[in-house]
């Protein structure tokens, strides 16, 4: 019997393997391995293309891009980032607020929803780039034109969440509200509006990257400052290392914004985070 127990009992290494690493530590390890593999592939590809001809050989090495990135960060990056963030903040807030109001209206007034929701769905597949000529004709080359493009991109994402949030009210909650004698305004204030705002907050995070990506599209067309304006300037001078460095700045800025908003969402909607983590 003792021999059988000794045979069946797992050894300490087996227990450690079965328990595994902490999920966060494992995520950091895998992410770091992916970054190292990407840098190695980038360095190898830049070395392979260095002996070629034409534009295809102009792939700067990671070290050159890092030096260019450091020079840009110490010079004009803060000014360009502030300009781009101004365009993004105005468009993102305006688009989110407009989408919330329109979503509540279309979701609660079924006649208007049946009329205008097909129009919204027809406009949604149109890329932001296709709206650039109209934005220039309507608003010129200033801040309003760029904010309009960002706001439109955010609006077309958030409005879907707003409509879904104000229409997808659990039936048991609606019956409970009726049994408690709540009138229409009380049901809207305490039942419909919180559910809508919760979905809008999720939609706002989803639209974060679409809005931030639209900023560079707007600034590529006509802008005197901003990350997009800097990108088009270095592209015209064929400074490929500066182009890649600007793209990295744009990507890292979006990553930081998304991470910050994810933390804010976890604080404001803790039940949504628990629901996502419980999914397999």
C-alpha atoms as a PDB file:
ATOM      1  CA  UNK A   1       0.000   0.000   0.000  1.00  0.00           C
ATOM      2  CA  UNK A   2       2.802   2.414   0.864  1.00  0.00           C
ATOM      3  CA  UNK A   3       4.508   1.618  -2.404  1.00  0.00           C
ATOM      4  CA  UNK A   4       1.310   2.291  -4.313  1.00  0.00           C
ATOM      5  CA  UNK A   5       0.834   5.642  -2.591  1.00  0.00           C
ATOM      6  CA  UNK A   6       4.433   6.571  -3.324  1.00  0.00           C
ATOM      7  CA  UNK A   7       3.957   5.619  -6.937  1.00  0.00           C
ATOM      8  CA  UNK A   8       0.731   7.613  -7.382  1.00  0.00           C
ATOM      9  CA  UNK A   9       1.809  10.741  -5.526  1.00  0.00           C
ATOM     10  CA  UNK A  10       3.117  13.369  -7.987  1.00  0.00           C
ATOM     11  CA  UNK A  11       6.610  14.685  -7.631  1.00  0.00           C
ATOM     12  CA  UNK A  12       7.187  18.372  -6.852  1.00  0.00           C
ATOM     13  CA  UNK A  13       8.209  19.219 -10.448  1.00  0.00           C
ATOM     14  CA  UNK A  14       5.005  17.616 -11.750  1.00  0.00           C
ATOM     15  CA  UNK A  15       2.941  19.639  -9.295  1.00  0.00           C
ATOM     16  CA  UNK A  16       4.695  22.828 -10.392  1.00  0.00           C
ATOM     17  CA  UNK A  17       4.069  22.063 -14.051  1.00  0.00           C
ATOM     18  CA  UNK A  18       0.410  21.261 -13.354  1.00  0.00           C
ATOM     19  CA  UNK A  19      -0.094  24.485 -11.431  1.00  0.00           C
ATOM     20  CA  UNK A  20       1.656  26.497 -14.144  1.00  0.00           C
ATOM     21  CA  UNK A  21       2.880  30.065 -14.075  1.00  0.00           C
ATOM     22  CA  UNK A  22       0.957  33.113 -13.062  1.00  0.00           C
ATOM     23  CA  UNK A  23      -1.188  34.197 -16.052  1.00  0.00           C
ATOM     24  CA  UNK A  24       0.223  37.728 -16.002  1.00  0.00           C
ATOM     25  CA  UNK A  25       3.813  36.516 -15.821  1.00  0.00           C
ATOM     26  CA  UNK A  26       3.138  34.080 -18.656  1.00  0.00           C
ATOM     27  CA  UNK A  27       1.573  36.858 -20.747  1.00  0.00           C
ATOM     28  CA  UNK A  28       4.609  39.101 -20.201  1.00  0.00           C
ATOM     29  CA  UNK A  29       6.978  36.257 -21.089  1.00  0.00           C
ATOM     30  CA  UNK A  30       5.125  35.402 -24.281  1.00  0.00           C
ATOM     31  CA  UNK A  31       4.822  39.056 -25.248  1.00  0.00           C
ATOM     32  CA  UNK A  32       8.522  39.614 -24.656  1.00  0.00           C
ATOM     33  CA  UNK A  33       9.381  36.563 -26.729  1.00  0.00           C
ATOM     34  CA  UNK A  34       7.186  37.881 -29.532  1.00  0.00           C
ATOM     35  CA  UNK A  35       8.899  41.272 -29.446  1.00  0.00           C
ATOM     36  CA  UNK A  36      12.356  39.682 -29.541  1.00  0.00           C
ATOM     37  CA  UNK A  37      11.341  37.474 -32.453  1.00  0.00           C
ATOM     38  CA  UNK A  38       9.952  40.491 -34.305  1.00  0.00           C
ATOM     39  CA  UNK A  39      13.146  42.499 -33.769  1.00  0.00           C
ATOM     40  CA  UNK A  40      15.274  39.576 -34.902  1.00  0.00           C
ATOM     41  CA  UNK A  41      13.191  39.122 -38.036  1.00  0.00           C
ATOM     42  CA  UNK A  42      13.285  42.856 -38.697  1.00  0.00           C
ATOM     43  CA  UNK A  43      17.091  42.972 -38.367  1.00  0.00           C
ATOM     44  CA  UNK A  44      17.496  39.945 -40.631  1.00  0.00           C
ATOM     45  CA  UNK A  45      15.148  41.348 -43.284  1.00  0.00           C
ATOM     46  CA  UNK A  46      16.844  44.754 -43.287  1.00  0.00           C
ATOM     47  CA  UNK A  47      20.194  43.027 -43.766  1.00  0.00           C
ATOM     48  CA  UNK A  48      18.857  40.881 -46.616  1.00  0.00           C
ATOM     49  CA  UNK A  49      17.287  43.827 -48.433  1.00  0.00           C
ATOM     50  CA  UNK A  50      20.312  46.078 -47.945  1.00  0.00           C
ATOM     51  CA  UNK A  51      22.051  44.657 -51.010  1.00  0.00           C
ATOM     52  CA  UNK A  52      19.033  44.915 -53.294  1.00  0.00           C
ATOM     53  CA  UNK A  53      17.973  47.762 -55.480  1.00  0.00           C
ATOM     54  CA  UNK A  54      15.214  50.307 -55.551  1.00  0.00           C
ATOM     55  CA  UNK A  55      12.889  51.321 -52.767  1.00  0.00           C
ATOM     56  CA  UNK A  56      12.408  47.731 -51.562  1.00  0.00           C
ATOM     57  CA  UNK A  57      15.933  47.780 -50.097  1.00  0.00           C
ATOM     58  CA  UNK A  58      15.158  50.808 -47.949  1.00  0.00           C
ATOM     59  CA  UNK A  59      14.278  48.983 -44.774  1.00  0.00           C
ATOM     60  CA  UNK A  60      16.220  50.617 -41.919  1.00  0.00           C
ATOM     61  CA  UNK A  61      17.709  48.481 -39.205  1.00  0.00           C
ATOM     62  CA  UNK A  62      16.152  48.551 -35.712  1.00  0.00           C
ATOM     63  CA  UNK A  63      19.171  50.399 -34.250  1.00  0.00           C
ATOM     64  CA  UNK A  64      18.899  53.202 -36.814  1.00  0.00           C
ATOM     65  CA  UNK A  65      15.166  53.533 -36.171  1.00  0.00           C
ATOM     66  CA  UNK A  66      15.822  53.618 -32.424  1.00  0.00           C
ATOM     67  CA  UNK A  67      18.298  56.491 -32.843  1.00  0.00           C
ATOM     68  CA  UNK A  68      15.864  58.387 -35.064  1.00  0.00           C
ATOM     69  CA  UNK A  69      13.061  57.746 -32.594  1.00  0.00           C
ATOM     70  CA  UNK A  70      15.150  59.066 -29.700  1.00  0.00           C
ATOM     71  CA  UNK A  71      15.973  62.225 -31.648  1.00  0.00           C
ATOM     72  CA  UNK A  72      12.315  62.791 -32.542  1.00  0.00           C
ATOM     73  CA  UNK A  73      11.130  62.255 -28.963  1.00  0.00           C
ATOM     74  CA  UNK A  74      13.582  64.845 -27.657  1.00  0.00           C
ATOM     75  CA  UNK A  75      12.571  67.434 -30.276  1.00  0.00           C
ATOM     76  CA  UNK A  76       9.094  67.752 -31.803  1.00  0.00           C
ATOM     77  CA  UNK A  77       7.259  64.677 -30.558  1.00  0.00           C
ATOM     78  CA  UNK A  78       5.528  66.370 -27.618  1.00  0.00           C
ATOM     79  CA  UNK A  79       4.202  69.183 -29.812  1.00  0.00           C
ATOM     80  CA  UNK A  80       3.005  66.832 -32.538  1.00  0.00           C
ATOM     81  CA  UNK A  81       1.406  64.463 -30.037  1.00  0.00           C
ATOM     82  CA  UNK A  82      -0.448  67.318 -28.337  1.00  0.00           C
ATOM     83  CA  UNK A  83      -1.808  68.489 -31.692  1.00  0.00           C
ATOM     84  CA  UNK A  84      -2.986  65.005 -32.636  1.00  0.00           C
ATOM     85  CA  UNK A  85      -4.517  64.422 -29.203  1.00  0.00           C
ATOM     86  CA  UNK A  86      -6.462  67.685 -29.519  1.00  0.00           C
ATOM     87  CA  UNK A  87      -8.031  66.528 -32.783  1.00  0.00           C
ATOM     88  CA  UNK A  88      -8.721  63.101 -31.339  1.00  0.00           C
ATOM     89  CA  UNK A  89     -10.234  64.330 -28.062  1.00  0.00           C
ATOM     90  CA  UNK A  90     -12.635  66.747 -29.773  1.00  0.00           C
ATOM     91  CA  UNK A  91     -13.760  64.215 -32.352  1.00  0.00           C
ATOM     92  CA  UNK A  92     -13.968  61.305 -29.915  1.00  0.00           C
ATOM     93  CA  UNK A  93     -16.042  63.192 -27.353  1.00  0.00           C
ATOM     94  CA  UNK A  94     -18.317  64.786 -29.960  1.00  0.00           C
ATOM     95  CA  UNK A  95     -18.832  61.479 -31.757  1.00  0.00           C
ATOM     96  CA  UNK A  96     -19.486  59.570 -28.542  1.00  0.00           C
ATOM     97  CA  UNK A  97     -21.997  62.090 -27.194  1.00  0.00           C
ATOM     98  CA  UNK A  98     -23.828  62.348 -30.520  1.00  0.00           C
ATOM     99  CA  UNK A  99     -23.919  58.558 -30.847  1.00  0.00           C
ATOM    100  CA  UNK A 100     -25.368  58.201 -27.333  1.00  0.00           C
ATOM    101  CA  UNK A 101     -28.173  60.679 -27.987  1.00  0.00           C
ATOM    102  CA  UNK A 102     -28.977  59.311 -31.435  1.00  0.00           C
ATOM    103  CA  UNK A 103     -28.788  55.727 -30.181  1.00  0.00           C
ATOM    104  CA  UNK A 104     -31.244  56.448 -27.368  1.00  0.00           C
ATOM    105  CA  UNK A 105     -33.618  58.105 -29.829  1.00  0.00           C
ATOM    106  CA  UNK A 106     -33.459  55.361 -32.439  1.00  0.00           C
ATOM    107  CA  UNK A 107     -33.588  52.589 -29.868  1.00  0.00           C
ATOM    108  CA  UNK A 108     -36.581  53.893 -27.906  1.00  0.00           C
ATOM    109  CA  UNK A 109     -38.622  55.363 -30.764  1.00  0.00           C
ATOM    110  CA  UNK A 110     -39.138  52.312 -32.937  1.00  0.00           C
ATOM    111  CA  UNK A 111     -40.525  54.230 -35.902  1.00  0.00           C
ATOM    112  CA  UNK A 112     -37.380  56.340 -36.139  1.00  0.00           C
ATOM    113  CA  UNK A 113     -35.244  53.271 -35.630  1.00  0.00           C
ATOM    114  CA  UNK A 114     -36.919  51.457 -38.499  1.00  0.00           C
ATOM    115  CA  UNK A 115     -36.381  54.482 -40.734  1.00  0.00           C
ATOM    116  CA  UNK A 116     -32.837  55.554 -39.912  1.00  0.00           C
ATOM    117  CA  UNK A 117     -31.025  52.448 -38.653  1.00  0.00           C
ATOM    118  CA  UNK A 118     -30.761  51.050 -42.206  1.00  0.00           C
ATOM    119  CA  UNK A 119     -29.181  54.362 -43.215  1.00  0.00           C
ATOM    120  CA  UNK A 120     -26.620  54.073 -40.422  1.00  0.00           C
ATOM    121  CA  UNK A 121     -25.817  50.495 -41.397  1.00  0.00           C
ATOM    122  CA  UNK A 122     -25.372  51.574 -45.016  1.00  0.00           C
ATOM    123  CA  UNK A 123     -22.924  54.332 -44.058  1.00  0.00           C
ATOM    124  CA  UNK A 124     -20.864  52.278 -41.606  1.00  0.00           C
ATOM    125  CA  UNK A 125     -18.864  50.279 -44.215  1.00  0.00           C
ATOM    126  CA  UNK A 126     -17.671  53.480 -45.908  1.00  0.00           C
ATOM    127  CA  UNK A 127     -14.049  54.124 -44.971  1.00  0.00           C
ATOM    128  CA  UNK A 128     -13.008  57.357 -43.308  1.00  0.00           C
ATOM    129  CA  UNK A 129     -10.736  58.100 -46.261  1.00  0.00           C
ATOM    130  CA  UNK A 130     -13.781  58.340 -48.524  1.00  0.00           C
ATOM    131  CA  UNK A 131     -15.138  61.181 -46.370  1.00  0.00           C
ATOM    132  CA  UNK A 132     -11.986  63.316 -46.722  1.00  0.00           C
ATOM    133  CA  UNK A 133     -13.094  65.203 -49.879  1.00  0.00           C
ATOM    134  CA  UNK A 134     -16.476  66.056 -48.367  1.00  0.00           C
ATOM    135  CA  UNK A 135     -14.917  67.155 -45.076  1.00  0.00           C
ATOM    136  CA  UNK A 136     -12.602  69.521 -46.940  1.00  0.00           C
ATOM    137  CA  UNK A 137     -15.475  70.937 -49.005  1.00  0.00           C
ATOM    138  CA  UNK A 138     -17.686  71.387 -45.955  1.00  0.00           C
ATOM    139  CA  UNK A 139     -15.178  72.540 -43.323  1.00  0.00           C
ATOM    140  CA  UNK A 140     -11.962  73.454 -45.116  1.00  0.00           C
ATOM    141  CA  UNK A 141      -8.501  72.396 -43.929  1.00  0.00           C
ATOM    142  CA  UNK A 142      -8.738  73.437 -40.285  1.00  0.00           C
ATOM    143  CA  UNK A 143      -9.380  71.682 -37.019  1.00  0.00           C
ATOM    144  CA  UNK A 144     -13.095  71.266 -37.713  1.00  0.00           C
ATOM    145  CA  UNK A 145     -12.481  69.114 -40.780  1.00  0.00           C
ATOM    146  CA  UNK A 146     -10.164  66.737 -38.926  1.00  0.00           C
ATOM    147  CA  UNK A 147     -12.401  66.543 -35.865  1.00  0.00           C
ATOM    148  CA  UNK A 148     -15.357  65.768 -38.119  1.00  0.00           C
ATOM    149  CA  UNK A 149     -13.591  62.749 -39.611  1.00  0.00           C
ATOM    150  CA  UNK A 150     -12.656  61.419 -36.179  1.00  0.00           C
ATOM    151  CA  UNK A 151     -16.115  62.091 -34.768  1.00  0.00           C
ATOM    152  CA  UNK A 152     -17.785  60.314 -37.679  1.00  0.00           C
ATOM    153  CA  UNK A 153     -15.604  57.234 -37.245  1.00  0.00           C
ATOM    154  CA  UNK A 154     -16.396  57.120 -33.516  1.00  0.00           C
ATOM    155  CA  UNK A 155     -20.096  57.825 -34.041  1.00  0.00           C
ATOM    156  CA  UNK A 156     -20.590  54.910 -36.441  1.00  0.00           C
ATOM    157  CA  UNK A 157     -19.134  52.515 -33.865  1.00  0.00           C
ATOM    158  CA  UNK A 158     -20.700  53.810 -30.651  1.00  0.00           C
ATOM    159  CA  UNK A 159     -24.218  54.283 -32.042  1.00  0.00           C
ATOM    160  CA  UNK A 160     -24.567  50.517 -32.486  1.00  0.00           C
ATOM    161  CA  UNK A 161     -23.711  49.936 -28.821  1.00  0.00           C
ATOM    162  CA  UNK A 162     -26.071  52.717 -27.730  1.00  0.00           C
ATOM    163  CA  UNK A 163     -29.006  51.249 -29.639  1.00  0.00           C
ATOM    164  CA  UNK A 164     -28.259  47.780 -28.327  1.00  0.00           C
ATOM    165  CA  UNK A 165     -27.890  49.045 -24.748  1.00  0.00           C
ATOM    166  CA  UNK A 166     -31.231  50.844 -24.614  1.00  0.00           C
ATOM    167  CA  UNK A 167     -33.180  48.016 -26.259  1.00  0.00           C
ATOM    168  CA  UNK A 168     -31.632  44.996 -24.542  1.00  0.00           C
ATOM    169  CA  UNK A 169     -33.219  45.450 -21.123  1.00  0.00           C
ATOM    170  CA  UNK A 170     -33.851  42.138 -19.300  1.00  0.00           C
ATOM    171  CA  UNK A 171     -37.540  41.299 -19.159  1.00  0.00           C
ATOM    172  CA  UNK A 172     -37.443  40.485 -15.435  1.00  0.00           C
ATOM    173  CA  UNK A 173     -36.041  43.931 -14.656  1.00  0.00           C
ATOM    174  CA  UNK A 174     -38.737  45.599 -16.736  1.00  0.00           C
ATOM    175  CA  UNK A 175     -41.445  43.610 -14.952  1.00  0.00           C
ATOM    176  CA  UNK A 176     -39.932  44.440 -11.560  1.00  0.00           C
ATOM    177  CA  UNK A 177     -39.887  48.132 -12.394  1.00  0.00           C
ATOM    178  CA  UNK A 178     -43.540  47.977 -13.413  1.00  0.00           C
ATOM    179  CA  UNK A 179     -44.498  46.107 -10.239  1.00  0.00           C
ATOM    180  CA  UNK A 180     -42.740  48.751  -8.147  1.00  0.00           C
ATOM    181  CA  UNK A 181     -44.892  51.424  -9.743  1.00  0.00           C
ATOM    182  CA  UNK A 182     -42.124  53.228 -11.604  1.00  0.00           C
ATOM    183  CA  UNK A 183     -43.386  55.635 -14.239  1.00  0.00           C
ATOM    184  CA  UNK A 184     -41.882  56.060 -17.703  1.00  0.00           C
ATOM    185  CA  UNK A 185     -39.355  58.691 -16.662  1.00  0.00           C
ATOM    186  CA  UNK A 186     -38.225  56.670 -13.651  1.00  0.00           C
ATOM    187  CA  UNK A 187     -37.769  53.567 -15.802  1.00  0.00           C
ATOM    188  CA  UNK A 188     -35.735  55.591 -18.285  1.00  0.00           C
ATOM    189  CA  UNK A 189     -33.585  57.186 -15.595  1.00  0.00           C
ATOM    190  CA  UNK A 190     -32.921  54.158 -13.407  1.00  0.00           C
ATOM    191  CA  UNK A 191     -33.137  51.285 -15.895  1.00  0.00           C
ATOM    192  CA  UNK A 192     -32.671  52.279 -19.517  1.00  0.00           C
ATOM    193  CA  UNK A 193     -30.103  55.059 -19.159  1.00  0.00           C
ATOM    194  CA  UNK A 194     -27.623  53.123 -16.960  1.00  0.00           C
ATOM    195  CA  UNK A 195     -27.787  50.136 -19.292  1.00  0.00           C
ATOM    196  CA  UNK A 196     -27.240  52.367 -22.301  1.00  0.00           C
ATOM    197  CA  UNK A 197     -24.299  54.214 -20.751  1.00  0.00           C
ATOM    198  CA  UNK A 198     -22.654  50.922 -19.811  1.00  0.00           C
ATOM    199  CA  UNK A 199     -22.805  49.753 -23.423  1.00  0.00           C
ATOM    200  CA  UNK A 200     -21.697  53.179 -24.661  1.00  0.00           C
ATOM    201  CA  UNK A 201     -18.611  52.962 -22.457  1.00  0.00           C
ATOM    202  CA  UNK A 202     -17.721  49.625 -24.031  1.00  0.00           C
ATOM    203  CA  UNK A 203     -18.347  51.049 -27.494  1.00  0.00           C
ATOM    204  CA  UNK A 204     -16.194  54.064 -26.668  1.00  0.00           C
ATOM    205  CA  UNK A 205     -13.241  51.788 -25.947  1.00  0.00           C
ATOM    206  CA  UNK A 206     -13.852  49.846 -29.149  1.00  0.00           C
ATOM    207  CA  UNK A 207     -13.968  53.100 -31.132  1.00  0.00           C
ATOM    208  CA  UNK A 208     -10.780  54.338 -29.493  1.00  0.00           C
ATOM    209  CA  UNK A 209      -8.505  52.789 -32.097  1.00  0.00           C
ATOM    210  CA  UNK A 210     -10.730  53.580 -35.063  1.00  0.00           C
ATOM    211  CA  UNK A 211     -10.826  57.227 -33.979  1.00  0.00           C
ATOM    212  CA  UNK A 212      -7.080  57.350 -33.317  1.00  0.00           C
ATOM    213  CA  UNK A 213      -6.388  55.762 -36.687  1.00  0.00           C
ATOM    214  CA  UNK A 214      -8.591  58.348 -38.374  1.00  0.00           C
ATOM    215  CA  UNK A 215      -6.463  61.130 -36.869  1.00  0.00           C
ATOM    216  CA  UNK A 216      -3.508  60.166 -39.005  1.00  0.00           C
ATOM    217  CA  UNK A 217      -5.725  59.964 -42.090  1.00  0.00           C
ATOM    218  CA  UNK A 218      -7.017  63.475 -41.451  1.00  0.00           C
ATOM    219  CA  UNK A 219      -3.542  64.877 -40.763  1.00  0.00           C
ATOM    220  CA  UNK A 220      -2.062  63.252 -43.832  1.00  0.00           C
ATOM    221  CA  UNK A 221      -4.417  65.299 -46.009  1.00  0.00           C
ATOM    222  CA  UNK A 222      -3.926  68.781 -44.603  1.00  0.00           C
ATOM    223  CA  UNK A 223      -2.228  69.643 -41.339  1.00  0.00           C
ATOM    224  CA  UNK A 224       0.637  71.841 -40.208  1.00  0.00           C
ATOM    225  CA  UNK A 225       1.326  69.888 -37.031  1.00  0.00           C
ATOM    226  CA  UNK A 226       0.606  66.492 -35.562  1.00  0.00           C
ATOM    227  CA  UNK A 227       1.955  62.991 -35.990  1.00  0.00           C
ATOM    228  CA  UNK A 228       0.324  62.652 -39.391  1.00  0.00           C
ATOM    229  CA  UNK A 229       1.829  65.910 -40.632  1.00  0.00           C
ATOM    230  CA  UNK A 230       5.263  64.808 -39.421  1.00  0.00           C
ATOM    231  CA  UNK A 231       4.790  61.444 -41.120  1.00  0.00           C
ATOM    232  CA  UNK A 232       3.987  62.979 -44.483  1.00  0.00           C
ATOM    233  CA  UNK A 233       6.908  65.431 -44.131  1.00  0.00           C
ATOM    234  CA  UNK A 234       9.523  62.735 -43.536  1.00  0.00           C
ATOM    235  CA  UNK A 235       7.962  60.586 -46.250  1.00  0.00           C
ATOM    236  CA  UNK A 236       8.407  63.361 -48.791  1.00  0.00           C
ATOM    237  CA  UNK A 237      12.089  63.559 -47.870  1.00  0.00           C
ATOM    238  CA  UNK A 238      12.451  59.751 -48.243  1.00  0.00           C
ATOM    239  CA  UNK A 239      13.615  59.388 -44.639  1.00  0.00           C
ATOM    240  CA  UNK A 240      12.362  55.846 -44.132  1.00  0.00           C
ATOM    241  CA  UNK A 241      13.843  55.540 -40.644  1.00  0.00           C
ATOM    242  CA  UNK A 242      11.889  58.614 -39.557  1.00  0.00           C
ATOM    243  CA  UNK A 243       8.746  57.183 -41.151  1.00  0.00           C
ATOM    244  CA  UNK A 244       9.069  53.959 -39.177  1.00  0.00           C
ATOM    245  CA  UNK A 245       9.895  55.902 -35.997  1.00  0.00           C
ATOM    246  CA  UNK A 246       6.763  58.030 -36.414  1.00  0.00           C
ATOM    247  CA  UNK A 247       4.653  54.921 -36.962  1.00  0.00           C
ATOM    248  CA  UNK A 248       6.053  53.463 -33.747  1.00  0.00           C
ATOM    249  CA  UNK A 249       5.181  56.672 -31.879  1.00  0.00           C
ATOM    250  CA  UNK A 250       1.662  56.529 -33.233  1.00  0.00           C
ATOM    251  CA  UNK A 251       1.258  52.867 -32.293  1.00  0.00           C
ATOM    252  CA  UNK A 252       2.666  53.273 -28.788  1.00  0.00           C
ATOM    253  CA  UNK A 253       0.445  56.294 -28.135  1.00  0.00           C
ATOM    254  CA  UNK A 254      -2.621  54.298 -29.127  1.00  0.00           C
ATOM    255  CA  UNK A 255      -1.486  51.369 -26.992  1.00  0.00           C
ATOM    256  CA  UNK A 256      -1.126  53.590 -23.918  1.00  0.00           C
ATOM    257  CA  UNK A 257      -4.547  55.175 -24.483  1.00  0.00           C
ATOM    258  CA  UNK A 258      -6.187  51.786 -24.889  1.00  0.00           C
ATOM    259  CA  UNK A 259      -4.524  50.450 -21.735  1.00  0.00           C
ATOM    260  CA  UNK A 260      -5.590  53.499 -19.720  1.00  0.00           C
ATOM    261  CA  UNK A 261      -9.166  53.258 -20.956  1.00  0.00           C
ATOM    262  CA  UNK A 262      -9.240  49.534 -20.224  1.00  0.00           C
ATOM    263  CA  UNK A 263      -8.269  50.240 -16.611  1.00  0.00           C
ATOM    264  CA  UNK A 264     -10.939  52.943 -16.369  1.00  0.00           C
ATOM    265  CA  UNK A 265     -13.519  50.558 -17.813  1.00  0.00           C
ATOM    266  CA  UNK A 266     -12.562  47.910 -15.275  1.00  0.00           C
ATOM    267  CA  UNK A 267     -13.159  50.433 -12.479  1.00  0.00           C
ATOM    268  CA  UNK A 268     -16.458  51.705 -13.868  1.00  0.00           C
ATOM    269  CA  UNK A 269     -17.789  48.335 -15.083  1.00  0.00           C
ATOM    270  CA  UNK A 270     -16.324  45.680 -12.765  1.00  0.00           C
ATOM    271  CA  UNK A 271     -19.086  43.190 -13.619  1.00  0.00           C
ATOM    272  CA  UNK A 272     -18.176  43.340 -17.325  1.00  0.00           C
ATOM    273  CA  UNK A 273     -14.543  42.522 -16.575  1.00  0.00           C
ATOM    274  CA  UNK A 274     -15.574  39.591 -14.387  1.00  0.00           C
ATOM    275  CA  UNK A 275     -17.858  38.330 -17.146  1.00  0.00           C
ATOM    276  CA  UNK A 276     -15.073  38.495 -19.745  1.00  0.00           C
ATOM    277  CA  UNK A 277     -12.558  36.754 -17.475  1.00  0.00           C
ATOM    278  CA  UNK A 278     -15.020  33.960 -16.721  1.00  0.00           C
ATOM    279  CA  UNK A 279     -15.359  33.075 -20.411  1.00  0.00           C
ATOM    280  CA  UNK A 280     -13.223  30.156 -21.573  1.00  0.00           C
END
